[in-house]
Amino acid sequence: MGSGRNSDAHLWRSELLGAASSVETGGGALDYFERGDGPALVFSHGWLANANLWRGVVDLLHDRFRCLALDLPLGSHRTPMDPAADLGPHGVAGLIADVLERLDLSEVTLVGNDSGGAYSQMALARHEARIGERVSRLTLTSCETPYDEWPPEPFTGLPAAAADPGLLGQLLRALEDPEVRLTPPAYGLLAKHPLVAEASDSYALPASRDEAVLRDVAKAMSSAATAPVREAGEHLIAHPEIRVLLIWSEEDAVFPLAHAERYAAALRHGRLVCFGDSYSFTPEDRPDAVAAAIAEFAGG
């Protein structure tokens, strides 16, 4: 599928994710995709990605788990949030908490990749009173830890650029070119193996095609800061009842493996699984390894 030849390329979602639904949150309607039965797994992605990130993992786990993959308002979503929605760090974390409450989920394993891991940590730390009894496990795959900057290199300039949505829009329009997506400032350090064209288009194009989607991601990016991630990590370290699995790539150039090792050691019930042949987008590069680690951890 060529990004310049299909006007709906930015809307594609894999059938592997299951049925499309939406849930009303404090910030507006949020899309999610559901497949399977069993203990609930709630998947969150990071900036300029969407539920498609988890399609391969869901396909391997739906026979044992109820898989719910969220489309967070981080620049690759189809349904914009309300104009007044709070999309700061704790606001996006609150959307995850809203989903768990609105769907009345329990015994949940939260799973987050990239900045979706940061938001998942903040959801547990900031909204513990609302969802603490609903979440039994947390799985983090190549994401910010208390020892990383948010955003990390080479994406540190995005919050300043996002302060001007027009400037951010100019930068993101460059992603219309699939070759640009392969560079380090785009997805070059995130995915080791080529993304399928449909998934790549669904990540790269929405903010260029919809001004309201651009508005949402500008709000999320411009408010990113290291302090909320560190506070969330410190909270989890100080509250040892939560079990945490860290799934990491040995080749990750964005989120150092050493930081994951340090975090796993600091958590009372922290455990680290690592493997090769992947960059930060472990669900894209190695859905087999990610799914296997989650299944063992979550009891499937």
Protein backbone atom coordinates (compact mmCIF):
# COMPACT_ATOMS: atom_id res chain seq x y z
CA MET A 1 0.00 0.00 0.00
CA GLY A 2 1.61 3.26 -1.01
CA SER A 3 1.16 6.09 1.51
CA GLY A 4 0.62 8.64 -1.24
CA ARG A 5 -1.86 6.52 -3.21
CA ASN A 6 -4.45 5.61 -0.61
CA SER A 7 -6.31 8.39 1.16
CA ASP A 8 -7.46 5.96 3.88
CA ALA A 9 -4.04 4.45 4.58
CA HIS A 10 -3.83 6.22 7.93
CA LEU A 11 -7.03 4.52 9.15
CA TRP A 12 -5.97 0.88 8.73
CA ARG A 13 -6.20 -1.50 11.68
CA SER A 14 -5.21 -5.14 11.49
CA GLU A 15 -7.94 -7.76 11.70
CA LEU A 16 -5.60 -9.63 14.08
CA LEU A 17 -6.55 -7.10 16.79
CA GLY A 18 -10.14 -8.31 16.89
CA ALA A 19 -13.32 -6.28 17.15
CA ALA A 20 -13.22 -2.48 17.20
CA SER A 21 -14.99 -0.73 20.07
CA SER A 22 -14.86 2.58 21.89
CA VAL A 23 -15.28 3.67 25.48
CA GLU A 24 -16.16 7.09 26.87
CA THR A 25 -13.38 8.54 29.01
CA GLY A 26 -12.91 11.83 30.78
CA GLY A 27 -11.29 13.15 27.61
CA GLY A 28 -13.77 11.79 25.06
CA ALA A 29 -14.28 8.57 23.15
CA LEU A 30 -11.25 6.28 23.03
CA ASP A 31 -11.00 3.42 20.53
CA TYR A 32 -9.81 -0.02 21.50
CA PHE A 33 -9.72 -3.47 19.95
CA GLU A 34 -10.67 -6.68 21.72
CA ARG A 35 -9.99 -10.31 20.97
CA GLY A 36 -10.05 -13.49 23.04
CA ASP A 37 -11.22 -14.64 26.45
CA GLY A 38 -9.51 -15.15 29.78
CA PRO A 39 -7.45 -12.91 32.08
CA ALA A 40 -7.34 -9.34 30.76
CA LEU A 41 -4.28 -7.90 29.08
CA VAL A 42 -4.49 -4.14 28.35
CA PHE A 43 -1.91 -2.99 25.78
CA SER A 44 -0.65 0.60 25.44
CA HIS A 45 1.61 2.01 22.73
CA GLY A 46 3.73 5.15 22.55
CA TRP A 47 3.88 8.30 20.46
CA LEU A 48 3.20 7.96 16.72
CA ALA A 49 2.03 4.38 17.04
CA ASN A 50 -1.33 2.75 17.71
CA ALA A 51 -3.00 -0.57 18.54
CA ASN A 52 -1.47 -2.12 15.41
CA LEU A 53 1.81 -2.35 17.31
CA TRP A 54 0.36 -5.29 19.25
CA ARG A 55 -1.32 -7.21 16.42
CA GLY A 56 1.25 -10.03 16.33
CA VAL A 57 1.29 -10.38 20.12
CA VAL A 58 -2.52 -10.42 20.29
CA ASP A 59 -2.63 -13.07 17.58
CA LEU A 60 -0.42 -15.31 19.72
CA LEU A 61 -2.25 -14.71 23.01
CA HIS A 62 -5.96 -14.42 22.25
CA ASP A 63 -6.54 -18.15 22.77
CA ARG A 64 -5.61 -17.76 26.46
CA PHE A 65 -6.27 -14.10 27.29
CA ARG A 66 -8.76 -11.31 26.75
CA CYS A 67 -6.60 -8.87 24.77
CA LEU A 68 -7.57 -5.19 24.71
CA ALA A 69 -5.30 -2.99 22.59
CA LEU A 70 -5.83 0.75 23.09
CA ASP A 71 -5.62 3.51 20.48
CA LEU A 72 -4.26 6.27 22.70
CA PRO A 73 -4.37 9.88 21.40
CA LEU A 74 -0.65 10.02 20.64
CA GLY A 75 -0.65 10.99 16.97
CA SER A 76 -1.64 7.80 15.18
CA HIS A 77 -5.22 7.48 16.40
CA ARG A 78 -8.41 7.63 14.36
CA THR A 79 -10.79 9.31 16.82
CA PRO A 80 -9.62 12.69 18.20
CA MET A 81 -10.19 13.55 21.83
CA ASP A 82 -12.40 16.42 22.99
CA PRO A 83 -10.64 19.76 22.33
CA ALA A 84 -10.38 20.47 26.06
CA ALA A 85 -9.06 17.01 26.99
CA ASP A 86 -6.09 16.89 29.34
CA LEU A 87 -3.36 15.08 27.42
CA GLY A 88 -0.52 15.88 29.76
CA PRO A 89 1.36 12.93 31.26
CA HIS A 90 -1.13 12.31 34.03
CA GLY A 91 -4.06 13.04 31.73
CA VAL A 92 -3.08 10.29 29.29
CA ALA A 93 -2.38 7.99 32.23
CA GLY A 94 -5.88 8.84 33.41
CA LEU A 95 -7.32 7.64 30.10
CA ILE A 96 -5.85 4.20 30.77
CA ALA A 97 -7.39 4.25 34.25
CA ASP A 98 -10.72 5.33 32.75
CA VAL A 99 -10.73 2.33 30.41
CA LEU A 100 -10.20 -0.09 33.29
CA GLU A 101 -12.99 1.54 35.29
CA ARG A 102 -15.51 1.94 32.47
CA LEU A 103 -15.04 -1.67 31.32
CA ASP A 104 -15.02 -2.89 34.94
CA LEU A 105 -11.84 -4.89 34.42
CA SER A 106 -10.11 -6.80 37.22
CA GLU A 107 -6.98 -8.91 37.61
CA VAL A 108 -5.50 -6.89 34.74
CA THR A 109 -1.99 -7.12 33.37
CA LEU A 110 -1.09 -3.70 32.00
CA VAL A 111 1.36 -3.91 29.10
CA GLY A 112 3.17 -0.87 27.68
CA ASN A 113 5.79 -0.23 25.03
CA ASP A 114 7.82 2.96 24.44
CA SER A 115 6.04 5.96 26.00
CA GLY A 116 3.05 3.66 26.50
CA GLY A 117 5.18 2.07 29.22
CA ALA A 118 5.71 5.48 30.81
CA TYR A 119 1.97 6.18 30.78
CA SER A 120 1.22 2.72 32.20
CA GLN A 121 3.59 3.33 35.12
CA MET A 122 1.97 6.71 35.74
CA ALA A 123 -1.50 5.18 35.56
CA LEU A 124 -0.64 2.87 38.43
CA ALA A 125 1.20 5.48 40.49
CA ARG A 126 -1.02 8.52 39.93
CA HIS A 127 -4.37 6.73 39.83
CA GLU A 128 -3.69 3.99 42.36
CA ALA A 129 -6.84 4.79 44.35
CA ARG A 130 -8.94 4.17 41.24
CA ILE A 131 -7.28 1.15 39.68
CA GLY A 132 -4.85 -0.26 42.24
CA GLU A 133 -7.17 -3.17 43.02
CA ARG A 134 -7.90 -3.75 39.34
CA VAL A 135 -4.26 -4.27 38.25
CA SER A 136 -2.32 -7.31 39.40
CA ARG A 137 0.68 -7.11 37.08
CA LEU A 138 2.62 -4.62 34.97
CA THR A 139 4.65 -5.51 31.89
CA LEU A 140 7.04 -2.95 30.43
CA THR A 141 8.65 -3.51 27.04
CA SER A 142 11.50 -1.20 26.02
CA CYS A 143 10.27 2.05 27.55
CA GLU A 144 11.20 4.85 29.92
CA THR A 145 12.43 3.82 33.37
CA PRO A 146 13.19 6.11 36.33
CA TYR A 147 16.73 6.38 34.93
CA ASP A 148 15.81 7.63 31.45
CA GLU A 149 15.01 11.08 30.15
CA TRP A 150 11.55 11.55 28.66
CA PRO A 151 11.67 11.78 25.75
CA PRO A 152 15.02 10.08 25.20
CA GLU A 153 17.53 10.81 22.46
CA PRO A 154 17.10 11.35 19.55
CA PHE A 155 13.58 12.62 20.31
CA THR A 156 14.46 15.23 22.95
CA GLY A 157 13.52 18.13 20.65
CA LEU A 158 9.92 17.02 20.19
CA PRO A 159 8.39 18.78 23.23
CA ALA A 160 9.76 22.15 22.12
CA ALA A 161 8.62 21.59 18.54
CA ALA A 162 5.20 20.45 19.70
CA ALA A 163 4.68 23.71 21.58
CA ASP A 164 3.87 25.07 18.11
CA PRO A 165 1.43 22.62 16.47
CA GLY A 166 2.12 24.21 13.10
CA LEU A 167 5.83 23.49 13.40
CA LEU A 168 5.16 19.96 14.61
CA GLY A 169 2.85 19.45 11.65
CA GLN A 170 5.60 20.48 9.25
CA LEU A 171 7.98 17.98 10.84
CA LEU A 172 5.47 15.15 10.78
CA ARG A 173 4.52 15.78 7.14
CA ALA A 174 8.00 14.57 6.26
CA LEU A 175 6.79 11.11 7.32
CA GLU A 176 4.64 10.98 4.20
CA ASP A 177 7.87 9.73 2.58
CA PRO A 178 8.52 6.08 3.56
CA GLU A 179 12.25 6.63 3.17
CA VAL A 180 12.21 9.36 5.83
CA ARG A 181 10.56 6.93 8.23
CA LEU A 182 13.68 4.75 8.10
CA THR A 183 15.93 7.49 9.54
CA PRO A 184 16.95 7.64 13.23
CA PRO A 185 14.82 10.73 14.05
CA ALA A 186 11.77 8.78 12.84
CA TYR A 187 11.43 4.98 13.25
CA GLY A 188 14.96 3.94 12.27
CA LEU A 189 16.09 3.25 15.85
CA LEU A 190 12.76 1.79 16.93
CA ALA A 191 12.12 -1.05 14.48
CA LYS A 192 14.99 -3.32 13.43
CA HIS A 193 12.98 -5.11 10.76
CA PRO A 194 10.96 -3.31 8.06
CA LEU A 195 7.46 -2.41 9.15
CA VAL A 196 4.72 -3.71 6.89
CA ALA A 197 3.47 -0.85 4.74
CA GLU A 198 -0.03 -0.84 6.24
CA ALA A 199 1.26 -0.54 9.81
CA SER A 200 3.87 2.04 8.85
CA ASP A 201 1.26 4.20 7.14
CA SER A 202 -1.09 3.90 10.10
CA TYR A 203 1.67 5.18 12.41
CA ALA A 204 3.17 7.90 10.24
CA LEU A 205 0.23 9.51 8.46
CA PRO A 206 -2.66 10.36 10.82
CA ALA A 207 -1.23 13.58 12.26
CA SER A 208 -0.64 14.86 8.72
CA ARG A 209 -4.13 13.93 7.57
CA ASP A 210 -6.23 15.18 10.51
CA GLU A 211 -5.69 18.52 12.28
CA ALA A 212 -7.49 17.29 15.40
CA VAL A 213 -5.13 14.31 15.66
CA LEU A 214 -2.21 16.72 15.30
CA ARG A 215 -3.72 18.89 18.06
CA ASP A 216 -3.88 15.87 20.37
CA VAL A 217 -0.31 14.70 19.82
CA ALA A 218 1.01 18.24 20.13
CA LYS A 219 -0.59 18.46 23.56
CA ALA A 220 0.86 15.11 24.60
CA MET A 221 4.36 15.77 23.31
CA SER A 222 4.68 19.36 24.50
CA SER A 223 3.86 18.36 28.07
CA ALA A 224 6.30 15.44 28.32
CA ALA A 225 8.88 15.72 31.08
CA THR A 226 11.21 13.41 32.93
CA ALA A 227 9.90 14.15 36.43
CA PRO A 228 6.54 12.33 36.14
CA VAL A 229 8.25 9.15 34.93
CA ARG A 230 10.75 9.23 37.78
CA GLU A 231 8.00 9.88 40.32
CA ALA A 232 6.01 6.93 38.98
CA GLY A 233 9.02 4.62 39.07
CA GLU A 234 9.90 5.68 42.61
CA HIS A 235 6.30 5.02 43.65
CA LEU A 236 6.37 1.51 42.21
CA ILE A 237 9.71 0.79 43.86
CA ALA A 238 8.28 1.93 47.20
CA HIS A 239 5.11 -0.18 46.83
CA PRO A 240 6.37 -3.73 46.44
CA GLU A 241 3.01 -5.47 46.09
CA ILE A 242 2.90 -4.94 42.32
CA ARG A 243 4.65 -7.54 40.18
CA VAL A 244 6.57 -6.09 37.23
CA LEU A 245 8.02 -7.85 34.20
CA LEU A 246 10.47 -5.96 32.01
CA ILE A 247 10.87 -7.26 28.45
CA TRP A 248 13.86 -5.71 26.69
CA SER A 249 15.89 -5.90 23.55
CA GLU A 250 19.60 -6.48 23.97
CA GLU A 251 20.12 -4.18 20.97
CA ASP A 252 17.96 -1.28 22.15
CA ALA A 253 19.73 1.99 21.33
CA VAL A 254 16.96 4.21 22.77
CA PHE A 255 16.21 2.60 26.13
CA PRO A 256 19.45 1.14 27.53
CA LEU A 257 19.32 -2.42 28.78
CA ALA A 258 21.40 -1.34 31.78
CA HIS A 259 18.54 0.88 32.93
CA ALA A 260 16.11 -2.02 32.71
CA GLU A 261 18.50 -4.20 34.73
CA ARG A 262 18.76 -1.49 37.38
CA TYR A 263 15.00 -1.04 37.55
CA ALA A 264 14.30 -4.77 37.79
CA ALA A 265 16.77 -5.02 40.66
CA ALA A 266 15.16 -2.10 42.50
CA LEU A 267 11.63 -3.50 42.28
CA ARG A 268 10.73 -6.02 44.97
CA HIS A 269 8.94 -8.26 42.47
CA GLY A 270 10.74 -7.14 39.33
CA ARG A 271 11.98 -9.55 36.68
CA LEU A 272 13.77 -8.97 33.39
CA VAL A 273 13.55 -10.98 30.16
CA CYS A 274 15.76 -9.90 27.28
CA PHE A 275 16.44 -11.15 23.77
CA GLY A 276 18.10 -10.12 20.54
CA ASP A 277 17.07 -9.37 16.95
CA SER A 278 14.96 -6.38 17.97
CA TYR A 279 15.07 -2.67 18.69
CA SER A 280 12.62 -0.71 20.87
CA PHE A 281 9.50 -1.85 19.00
CA THR A 282 9.77 -5.34 20.45
CA PRO A 283 6.11 -6.18 19.66
CA GLU A 284 6.86 -5.46 15.99
CA ASP A 285 10.27 -7.10 15.76
CA ARG A 286 9.76 -10.08 18.08
CA PRO A 287 6.06 -10.69 18.79
CA ASP A 288 6.92 -14.34 19.48
CA ALA A 289 9.32 -13.55 22.30
CA VAL A 290 7.10 -10.82 23.76
CA ALA A 291 4.02 -13.05 23.72
CA ALA A 292 5.86 -15.96 25.31
CA ALA A 293 7.17 -13.79 28.15
CA ILE A 294 3.74 -12.25 28.80
CA ALA A 295 2.01 -15.64 28.76
CA GLU A 296 4.38 -17.07 31.36
CA PHE A 297 4.14 -13.95 33.52
CA ALA A 298 0.36 -13.56 33.37
CA GLY A 299 -0.34 -17.24 33.90
CA GLY A 300 -1.57 -18.28 30.50
